[in-house]
Amino acid sequence: MKKLLKDWNAFEIGLLILGTIAILFSSMICKSEILAILTSLVGVICSLSQAKGKVYSQFIGITEVMLYSILSYPIKTTIMEKSLLIW
């Protein structure tokens, strides 16, 4: 972890910590699933590492997209079933 954060300044590390705390706090209030929490955390890490211009952020982004698609697939099928019932 130290190797990944070696050229980050205190503001960026603080932003990462603050984002993580906000995600964990809001997920406890909303009683979110573990997959939703993980997807959110990976998204914050991806955004901050892309802002730094890191190459590994592309792999983190691909991981986030895969997690988000797994998370949103049941919602899509439920909406499609309801819309077919309306027709």
PDB file of N, CA and C in Angstrom:
ATOM      1  N   MET A   1       0.824  -1.192   0.000  1.00  0.00           N
ATOM      2  CA  MET A   1       0.000   0.000   0.000  1.00  0.00           C
ATOM      3  C   MET A   1       0.872   1.262   0.000  1.00  0.00           C
ATOM      4  N   LYS A   2       1.983   1.199   0.720  1.00  0.00           N
ATOM      5  CA  LYS A   2       2.875   2.354   0.749  1.00  0.00           C
ATOM      6  C   LYS A   2       3.411   2.671  -0.637  1.00  0.00           C
ATOM      7  N   LYS A   3       3.670   1.630  -1.417  1.00  0.00           N
ATOM      8  CA  LYS A   3       4.203   1.830  -2.757  1.00  0.00           C
ATOM      9  C   LYS A   3       3.175   2.529  -3.651  1.00  0.00           C
ATOM     10  N   LEU A   4       1.898   2.190  -3.463  1.00  0.00           N
ATOM     11  CA  LEU A   4       0.843   2.808  -4.275  1.00  0.00           C
ATOM     12  C   LEU A   4       0.603   4.267  -3.901  1.00  0.00           C
ATOM     13  N   LEU A   5       0.780   4.597  -2.630  1.00  0.00           N
ATOM     14  CA  LEU A   5       0.489   5.949  -2.144  1.00  0.00           C
ATOM     15  C   LEU A   5       1.744   6.797  -1.946  1.00  0.00           C
ATOM     16  N   LYS A   6       2.881   6.379  -2.502  1.00  0.00           N
ATOM     17  CA  LYS A   6       4.133   7.067  -2.186  1.00  0.00           C
ATOM     18  C   LYS A   6       4.205   8.506  -2.702  1.00  0.00           C
ATOM     19  N   ASP A   7       3.551   8.824  -3.821  1.00  0.00           N
ATOM     20  CA  ASP A   7       3.627  10.196  -4.340  1.00  0.00           C
ATOM     21  C   ASP A   7       2.323  10.974  -4.139  1.00  0.00           C
ATOM     22  N   TRP A   8       1.483  10.510  -3.240  1.00  0.00           N
ATOM     23  CA  TRP A   8       0.261  11.231  -2.903  1.00  0.00           C
ATOM     24  C   TRP A   8       0.571  12.224  -1.787  1.00  0.00           C
ATOM     25  N   ASN A   9      -0.059  13.402  -1.846  1.00  0.00           N
ATOM     26  CA  ASN A   9       0.147  14.367  -0.767  1.00  0.00           C
ATOM     27  C   ASN A   9      -0.905  14.163   0.325  1.00  0.00           C
ATOM     28  N   ALA A  10      -0.803  14.921   1.383  1.00  0.00           N
ATOM     29  CA  ALA A  10      -1.682  14.745   2.540  1.00  0.00           C
ATOM     30  C   ALA A  10      -3.147  15.031   2.196  1.00  0.00           C
ATOM     31  N   PHE A  11      -3.391  16.004   1.311  1.00  0.00           N
ATOM     32  CA  PHE A  11      -4.771  16.328   0.924  1.00  0.00           C
ATOM     33  C   PHE A  11      -5.423  15.149   0.213  1.00  0.00           C
ATOM     34  N   GLU A  12      -4.704  14.514  -0.688  1.00  0.00           N
ATOM     35  CA  GLU A  12      -5.265  13.392  -1.447  1.00  0.00           C
ATOM     36  C   GLU A  12      -5.518  12.179  -0.556  1.00  0.00           C
ATOM     37  N   ILE A  13      -4.619  11.912   0.360  1.00  0.00           N
ATOM     38  CA  ILE A  13      -4.822  10.811   1.304  1.00  0.00           C
ATOM     39  C   ILE A  13      -5.992  11.126   2.227  1.00  0.00           C
ATOM     40  N   GLY A  14      -6.096  12.386   2.653  1.00  0.00           N
ATOM     41  CA  GLY A  14      -7.237  12.791   3.474  1.00  0.00           C
ATOM     42  C   GLY A  14      -8.555  12.671   2.733  1.00  0.00           C
ATOM     43  N   LEU A  15      -8.540  12.991   1.449  1.00  0.00           N
ATOM     44  CA  LEU A  15      -9.741  12.854   0.634  1.00  0.00           C
ATOM     45  C   LEU A  15     -10.148  11.389   0.500  1.00  0.00           C
ATOM     46  N   LEU A  16      -9.168  10.514   0.358  1.00  0.00           N
ATOM     47  CA  LEU A  16      -9.438   9.078   0.288  1.00  0.00           C
ATOM     48  C   LEU A  16     -10.028   8.568   1.596  1.00  0.00           C
ATOM     49  N   ILE A  17      -9.459   9.002   2.708  1.00  0.00           N
ATOM     50  CA  ILE A  17      -9.960   8.588   4.017  1.00  0.00           C
ATOM     51  C   ILE A  17     -11.349   9.150   4.265  1.00  0.00           C
ATOM     52  N   LEU A  18     -11.562  10.412   3.924  1.00  0.00           N
ATOM     53  CA  LEU A  18     -12.873  11.032   4.108  1.00  0.00           C
ATOM     54  C   LEU A  18     -13.934  10.359   3.242  1.00  0.00           C
ATOM     55  N   GLY A  19     -13.589  10.041   2.003  1.00  0.00           N
ATOM     56  CA  GLY A  19     -14.527   9.339   1.126  1.00  0.00           C
ATOM     57  C   GLY A  19     -14.880   7.965   1.643  1.00  0.00           C
ATOM     58  N   THR A  20     -13.874   7.258   2.160  1.00  0.00           N
ATOM     59  CA  THR A  20     -14.111   5.927   2.723  1.00  0.00           C
ATOM     60  C   THR A  20     -15.014   6.001   3.947  1.00  0.00           C
ATOM     61  N   ILE A  21     -14.775   6.960   4.805  1.00  0.00           N
ATOM     62  CA  ILE A  21     -15.609   7.130   5.998  1.00  0.00           C
ATOM     63  C   ILE A  21     -17.042   7.485   5.604  1.00  0.00           C
ATOM     64  N   ALA A  22     -17.197   8.364   4.622  1.00  0.00           N
ATOM     65  CA  ALA A  22     -18.542   8.755   4.177  1.00  0.00           C
ATOM     66  C   ALA A  22     -19.294   7.569   3.583  1.00  0.00           C
ATOM     67  N   ILE A  23     -18.610   6.745   2.803  1.00  0.00           N
ATOM     68  CA  ILE A  23     -19.249   5.563   2.217  1.00  0.00           C
ATOM     69  C   ILE A  23     -19.654   4.582   3.307  1.00  0.00           C
ATOM     70  N   LEU A  24     -18.767   4.325   4.242  1.00  0.00           N
ATOM     71  CA  LEU A  24     -19.083   3.384   5.315  1.00  0.00           C
ATOM     72  C   LEU A  24     -20.211   3.897   6.201  1.00  0.00           C
ATOM     73  N   PHE A  25     -20.206   5.189   6.506  1.00  0.00           N
ATOM     74  CA  PHE A  25     -21.254   5.774   7.342  1.00  0.00           C
ATOM     75  C   PHE A  25     -22.613   5.720   6.643  1.00  0.00           C
ATOM     76  N   SER A  26     -22.648   6.107   5.365  1.00  0.00           N
ATOM     77  CA  SER A  26     -23.928   6.085   4.649  1.00  0.00           C
ATOM     78  C   SER A  26     -24.415   4.664   4.400  1.00  0.00           C
ATOM     79  N   SER A  27     -23.495   3.726   4.239  1.00  0.00           N
ATOM     80  CA  SER A  27     -23.925   2.346   4.043  1.00  0.00           C
ATOM     81  C   SER A  27     -24.487   1.734   5.319  1.00  0.00           C
ATOM     82  N   MET A  28     -23.979   2.177   6.472  1.00  0.00           N
ATOM     83  CA  MET A  28     -24.557   1.702   7.726  1.00  0.00           C
ATOM     84  C   MET A  28     -25.952   2.271   7.931  1.00  0.00           C
ATOM     85  N   ILE A  29     -26.153   3.523   7.563  1.00  0.00           N
ATOM     86  CA  ILE A  29     -27.472   4.141   7.715  1.00  0.00           C
ATOM     87  C   ILE A  29     -28.479   3.489   6.775  1.00  0.00           C
ATOM     88  N   CYS A  30     -28.074   3.262   5.517  1.00  0.00           N
ATOM     89  CA  CYS A  30     -28.981   2.692   4.504  1.00  0.00           C
ATOM     90  C   CYS A  30     -29.011   1.178   4.512  1.00  0.00           C
ATOM     91  N   LYS A  31     -28.201   0.541   5.344  1.00  0.00           N
ATOM     92  CA  LYS A  31     -28.102  -0.917   5.423  1.00  0.00           C
ATOM     93  C   LYS A  31     -27.826  -1.515   4.048  1.00  0.00           C
ATOM     94  N   SER A  32     -26.767  -1.039   3.410  1.00  0.00           N
ATOM     95  CA  SER A  32     -26.396  -1.485   2.069  1.00  0.00           C
ATOM     96  C   SER A  32     -25.764  -2.873   2.098  1.00  0.00           C
ATOM     97  N   GLU A  33     -25.763  -3.495   0.930  1.00  0.00           N
ATOM     98  CA  GLU A  33     -25.110  -4.788   0.786  1.00  0.00           C
ATOM     99  C   GLU A  33     -23.594  -4.605   0.730  1.00  0.00           C
ATOM    100  N   ILE A  34     -22.887  -5.679   1.010  1.00  0.00           N
ATOM    101  CA  ILE A  34     -21.423  -5.635   0.973  1.00  0.00           C
ATOM    102  C   ILE A  34     -20.928  -5.317  -0.437  1.00  0.00           C
ATOM    103  N   LEU A  35     -21.585  -5.859  -1.455  1.00  0.00           N
ATOM    104  CA  LEU A  35     -21.160  -5.614  -2.831  1.00  0.00           C
ATOM    105  C   LEU A  35     -21.316  -4.136  -3.199  1.00  0.00           C
ATOM    106  N   ALA A  36     -22.360  -3.487  -2.719  1.00  0.00           N
ATOM    107  CA  ALA A  36     -22.549  -2.060  -2.990  1.00  0.00           C
ATOM    108  C   ALA A  36     -21.470  -1.220  -2.302  1.00  0.00           C
ATOM    109  N   ILE A  37     -21.104  -1.609  -1.097  1.00  0.00           N
ATOM    110  CA  ILE A  37     -20.053  -0.897  -0.371  1.00  0.00           C
ATOM    111  C   ILE A  37     -18.713  -1.066  -1.085  1.00  0.00           C
ATOM    112  N   LEU A  38     -18.425  -2.289  -1.496  1.00  0.00           N
ATOM    113  CA  LEU A  38     -17.175  -2.572  -2.191  1.00  0.00           C
ATOM    114  C   LEU A  38     -17.092  -1.819  -3.521  1.00  0.00           C
ATOM    115  N   THR A  39     -18.200  -1.787  -4.252  1.00  0.00           N
ATOM    116  CA  THR A  39     -18.232  -1.066  -5.524  1.00  0.00           C
ATOM    117  C   THR A  39     -17.987   0.423  -5.312  1.00  0.00           C
ATOM    118  N   SER A  40     -18.580   0.983  -4.282  1.00  0.00           N
ATOM    119  CA  SER A  40     -18.383   2.406  -3.994  1.00  0.00           C
ATOM    120  C   SER A  40     -16.941   2.716  -3.612  1.00  0.00           C
ATOM    121  N   LEU A  41     -16.362   1.870  -2.785  1.00  0.00           N
ATOM    122  CA  LEU A  41     -14.976   2.085  -2.372  1.00  0.00           C
ATOM    123  C   LEU A  41     -14.012   1.963  -3.552  1.00  0.00           C
ATOM    124  N   VAL A  42     -14.239   0.974  -4.402  1.00  0.00           N
ATOM    125  CA  VAL A  42     -13.394   0.820  -5.586  1.00  0.00           C
ATOM    126  C   VAL A  42     -13.560   2.023  -6.511  1.00  0.00           C
ATOM    127  N   GLY A  43     -14.784   2.572  -6.598  1.00  0.00           N
ATOM    128  CA  GLY A  43     -15.020   3.753  -7.423  1.00  0.00           C
ATOM    129  C   GLY A  43     -14.273   4.979  -6.939  1.00  0.00           C
ATOM    130  N   VAL A  44     -14.228   5.173  -5.631  1.00  0.00           N
ATOM    131  CA  VAL A  44     -13.495   6.316  -5.073  1.00  0.00           C
ATOM    132  C   VAL A  44     -11.995   6.159  -5.321  1.00  0.00           C
ATOM    133  N   ILE A  45     -11.489   4.959  -5.090  1.00  0.00           N
ATOM    134  CA  ILE A  45     -10.064   4.715  -5.335  1.00  0.00           C
ATOM    135  C   ILE A  45      -9.735   4.903  -6.807  1.00  0.00           C
ATOM    136  N   CYS A  46     -10.619   4.443  -7.682  1.00  0.00           N
ATOM    137  CA  CYS A  46     -10.406   4.600  -9.123  1.00  0.00           C
ATOM    138  C   CYS A  46     -10.391   6.072  -9.512  1.00  0.00           C
ATOM    139  N   SER A  47     -11.331   6.842  -9.019  1.00  0.00           N
ATOM    140  CA  SER A  47     -11.398   8.263  -9.375  1.00  0.00           C
ATOM    141  C   SER A  47     -10.162   9.027  -8.920  1.00  0.00           C
ATOM    142  N   LEU A  48      -9.741   8.763  -7.697  1.00  0.00           N
ATOM    143  CA  LEU A  48      -8.572   9.473  -7.184  1.00  0.00           C
ATOM    144  C   LEU A  48      -7.292   9.058  -7.906  1.00  0.00           C
ATOM    145  N   SER A  49      -7.168   7.774  -8.222  1.00  0.00           N
ATOM    146  CA  SER A  49      -5.954   7.344  -8.926  1.00  0.00           C
ATOM    147  C   SER A  49      -5.953   7.814 -10.380  1.00  0.00           C
ATOM    148  N   GLN A  50      -7.134   7.941 -10.999  1.00  0.00           N
ATOM    149  CA  GLN A  50      -7.182   8.495 -12.351  1.00  0.00           C
ATOM    150  C   GLN A  50      -6.835   9.974 -12.346  1.00  0.00           C
ATOM    151  N   ALA A  51      -7.244  10.680 -11.311  1.00  0.00           N
ATOM    152  CA  ALA A  51      -6.881  12.094 -11.210  1.00  0.00           C
ATOM    153  C   ALA A  51      -5.368  12.267 -11.062  1.00  0.00           C
ATOM    154  N   LYS A  52      -4.711  11.272 -10.474  1.00  0.00           N
ATOM    155  CA  LYS A  52      -3.256  11.311 -10.347  1.00  0.00           C
ATOM    156  C   LYS A  52      -2.562  10.860 -11.629  1.00  0.00           C
ATOM    157  N   GLY A  53      -3.320  10.282 -12.568  1.00  0.00           N
ATOM    158  CA  GLY A  53      -2.741   9.839 -13.827  1.00  0.00           C
ATOM    159  C   GLY A  53      -2.025   8.506 -13.725  1.00  0.00           C
ATOM    160  N   LYS A  54      -2.445   7.666 -12.825  1.00  0.00           N
ATOM    161  CA  LYS A  54      -1.805   6.367 -12.628  1.00  0.00           C
ATOM    162  C   LYS A  54      -2.317   5.357 -13.649  1.00  0.00           C
ATOM    163  N   VAL A  55      -1.427   4.516 -14.134  1.00  0.00           N
ATOM    164  CA  VAL A  55      -1.801   3.507 -15.124  1.00  0.00           C
ATOM    165  C   VAL A  55      -2.673   2.423 -14.493  1.00  0.00           C
ATOM    166  N   TYR A  56      -2.376   2.058 -13.246  1.00  0.00           N
ATOM    167  CA  TYR A  56      -3.145   1.004 -12.598  1.00  0.00           C
ATOM    168  C   TYR A  56      -4.603   1.388 -12.378  1.00  0.00           C
ATOM    169  N   SER A  57      -4.932   2.657 -12.518  1.00  0.00           N
ATOM    170  CA  SER A  57      -6.329   3.076 -12.340  1.00  0.00           C
ATOM    171  C   SER A  57      -7.232   2.485 -13.413  1.00  0.00           C
ATOM    172  N   GLN A  58      -6.685   2.156 -14.579  1.00  0.00           N
ATOM    173  CA  GLN A  58      -7.488   1.524 -15.622  1.00  0.00           C
ATOM    174  C   GLN A  58      -7.962   0.141 -15.183  1.00  0.00           C
ATOM    175  N   PHE A  59      -7.094  -0.605 -14.518  1.00  0.00           N
ATOM    176  CA  PHE A  59      -7.470  -1.927 -14.027  1.00  0.00           C
ATOM    177  C   PHE A  59      -8.466  -1.827 -12.880  1.00  0.00           C
ATOM    178  N   ILE A  60      -8.290  -0.825 -12.042  1.00  0.00           N
ATOM    179  CA  ILE A  60      -9.254  -0.593 -10.960  1.00  0.00           C
ATOM    180  C   ILE A  60     -10.605  -0.207 -11.559  1.00  0.00           C
ATOM    181  N   GLY A  61     -10.598   0.594 -12.615  1.00  0.00           N
ATOM    182  CA  GLY A  61     -11.836   0.997 -13.281  1.00  0.00           C
ATOM    183  C   GLY A  61     -12.558  -0.173 -13.908  1.00  0.00           C
ATOM    184  N   ILE A  62     -11.808  -1.092 -14.521  1.00  0.00           N
ATOM    185  CA  ILE A  62     -12.427  -2.287 -15.100  1.00  0.00           C
ATOM    186  C   ILE A  62     -13.060  -3.134 -13.998  1.00  0.00           C
ATOM    187  N   THR A  63     -12.379  -3.242 -12.873  1.00  0.00           N
ATOM    188  CA  THR A  63     -12.929  -3.979 -11.731  1.00  0.00           C
ATOM    189  C   THR A  63     -14.205  -3.320 -11.231  1.00  0.00           C
ATOM    190  N   GLU A  64     -14.211  -1.988 -11.171  1.00  0.00           N
ATOM    191  CA  GLU A  64     -15.407  -1.277 -10.715  1.00  0.00           C
ATOM    192  C   GLU A  64     -16.578  -1.503 -11.660  1.00  0.00           C
ATOM    193  N   VAL A  65     -16.326  -1.463 -12.952  1.00  0.00           N
ATOM    194  CA  VAL A  65     -17.403  -1.676 -13.924  1.00  0.00           C
ATOM    195  C   VAL A  65     -17.966  -3.084 -13.806  1.00  0.00           C
ATOM    196  N   MET A  66     -17.109  -4.071 -13.614  1.00  0.00           N
ATOM    197  CA  MET A  66     -17.596  -5.447 -13.455  1.00  0.00           C
ATOM    198  C   MET A  66     -18.419  -5.594 -12.177  1.00  0.00           C
ATOM    199  N   LEU A  67     -17.954  -5.002 -11.083  1.00  0.00           N
ATOM    200  CA  LEU A  67     -18.713  -5.068  -9.836  1.00  0.00           C
ATOM    201  C   LEU A  67     -20.054  -4.361  -9.963  1.00  0.00           C
ATOM    202  N   TYR A  68     -20.048  -3.203 -10.630  1.00  0.00           N
ATOM    203  CA  TYR A  68     -21.297  -2.453 -10.787  1.00  0.00           C
ATOM    204  C   TYR A  68     -22.285  -3.198 -11.674  1.00  0.00           C
ATOM    205  N   SER A  69     -21.788  -3.875 -12.701  1.00  0.00           N
ATOM    206  CA  SER A  69     -22.703  -4.634 -13.558  1.00  0.00           C
ATOM    207  C   SER A  69     -23.310  -5.810 -12.811  1.00  0.00           C
ATOM    208  N   ILE A  70     -22.519  -6.466 -11.956  1.00  0.00           N
ATOM    209  CA  ILE A  70     -23.063  -7.545 -11.123  1.00  0.00           C
ATOM    210  C   ILE A  70     -24.092  -6.985 -10.157  1.00  0.00           C
ATOM    211  N   LEU A  71     -23.818  -5.812  -9.616  1.00  0.00           N
ATOM    212  CA  LEU A  71     -24.729  -5.192  -8.654  1.00  0.00           C
ATOM    213  C   LEU A  71     -26.035  -4.757  -9.302  1.00  0.00           C
ATOM    214  N   SER A  72     -25.970  -4.224 -10.512  1.00  0.00           N
ATOM    215  CA  SER A  72     -27.171  -3.655 -11.134  1.00  0.00           C
ATOM    216  C   SER A  72     -27.954  -4.641 -11.992  1.00  0.00           C
ATOM    217  N   TYR A  73     -27.422  -5.818 -12.264  1.00  0.00           N
ATOM    218  CA  TYR A  73     -28.126  -6.773 -13.119  1.00  0.00           C
ATOM    219  C   TYR A  73     -29.485  -7.175 -12.561  1.00  0.00           C
ATOM    220  N   PRO A  74     -29.620  -7.526 -11.263  1.00  0.00           N
ATOM    221  CA  PRO A  74     -30.959  -7.882 -10.759  1.00  0.00           C
ATOM    222  C   PRO A  74     -31.956  -6.731 -10.853  1.00  0.00           C
ATOM    223  N   ILE A  75     -31.503  -5.511 -10.714  1.00  0.00           N
ATOM    224  CA  ILE A  75     -32.396  -4.356 -10.812  1.00  0.00           C
ATOM    225  C   ILE A  75     -32.911  -4.230 -12.237  1.00  0.00           C
ATOM    226  N   LYS A  76     -32.035  -4.416 -13.213  1.00  0.00           N
ATOM    227  CA  LYS A  76     -32.420  -4.319 -14.609  1.00  0.00           C
ATOM    228  C   LYS A  76     -33.464  -5.373 -14.956  1.00  0.00           C
ATOM    229  N   THR A  77     -33.257  -6.605 -14.508  1.00  0.00           N
ATOM    230  CA  THR A  77     -34.208  -7.657 -14.847  1.00  0.00           C
ATOM    231  C   THR A  77     -35.558  -7.401 -14.184  1.00  0.00           C
ATOM    232  N   THR A  78     -35.554  -6.867 -12.976  1.00  0.00           N
ATOM    233  CA  THR A  78     -36.808  -6.556 -12.294  1.00  0.00           C
ATOM    234  C   THR A  78     -37.565  -5.450 -13.034  1.00  0.00           C
ATOM    235  N   ILE A  79     -36.862  -4.426 -13.462  1.00  0.00           N
ATOM    236  CA  ILE A  79     -37.495  -3.322 -14.182  1.00  0.00           C
ATOM    237  C   ILE A  79     -38.035  -3.815 -15.523  1.00  0.00           C
ATOM    238  N   MET A  80     -37.282  -4.671 -16.206  1.00  0.00           N
ATOM    239  CA  MET A  80     -37.726  -5.185 -17.497  1.00  0.00           C
ATOM    240  C   MET A  80     -38.981  -6.034 -17.332  1.00  0.00           C
ATOM    241  N   GLU A  81     -39.033  -6.853 -16.275  1.00  0.00           N
ATOM    242  CA  GLU A  81     -40.216  -7.685 -16.045  1.00  0.00           C
ATOM    243  C   GLU A  81     -41.438  -6.810 -15.772  1.00  0.00           C
ATOM    244  N   LYS A  82     -41.267  -5.761 -14.986  1.00  0.00           N
ATOM    245  CA  LYS A  82     -42.385  -4.881 -14.675  1.00  0.00           C
ATOM    246  C   LYS A  82     -42.843  -4.127 -15.918  1.00  0.00           C
ATOM    247  N   SER A  83     -41.905  -3.711 -16.759  1.00  0.00           N
ATOM    248  CA  SER A  83     -42.293  -2.980 -17.953  1.00  0.00           C
ATOM    249  C   SER A  83     -42.989  -3.902 -18.948  1.00  0.00           C
ATOM    250  N   LEU A  84     -42.623  -5.167 -18.981  1.00  0.00           N
ATOM    251  CA  LEU A  84     -43.310  -6.101 -19.864  1.00  0.00           C
ATOM    252  C   LEU A  84     -44.732  -6.376 -19.389  1.00  0.00           C
ATOM    253  N   LEU A  85     -44.915  -6.340 -18.075  1.00  0.00           N
ATOM    254  CA  LEU A  85     -46.261  -6.541 -17.543  1.00  0.00           C
ATOM    255  C   LEU A  85     -47.178  -5.375 -17.893  1.00  0.00           C
ATOM    256  N   ILE A  86     -46.631  -4.182 -17.982  1.00  0.00           N
ATOM    257  CA  ILE A  86     -47.423  -3.003 -18.315  1.00  0.00           C
ATOM    258  C   ILE A  86     -47.884  -3.077 -19.770  1.00  0.00           C
ATOM    259  N   TRP A  87     -47.016  -3.584 -20.661  1.00  0.00           N
ATOM    260  CA  TRP A  87     -47.384  -3.694 -22.073  1.00  0.00           C
ATOM    261  C   TRP A  87     -48.483  -4.677 -22.234  1.00  0.00           C
TER     262      TRP A  87
END
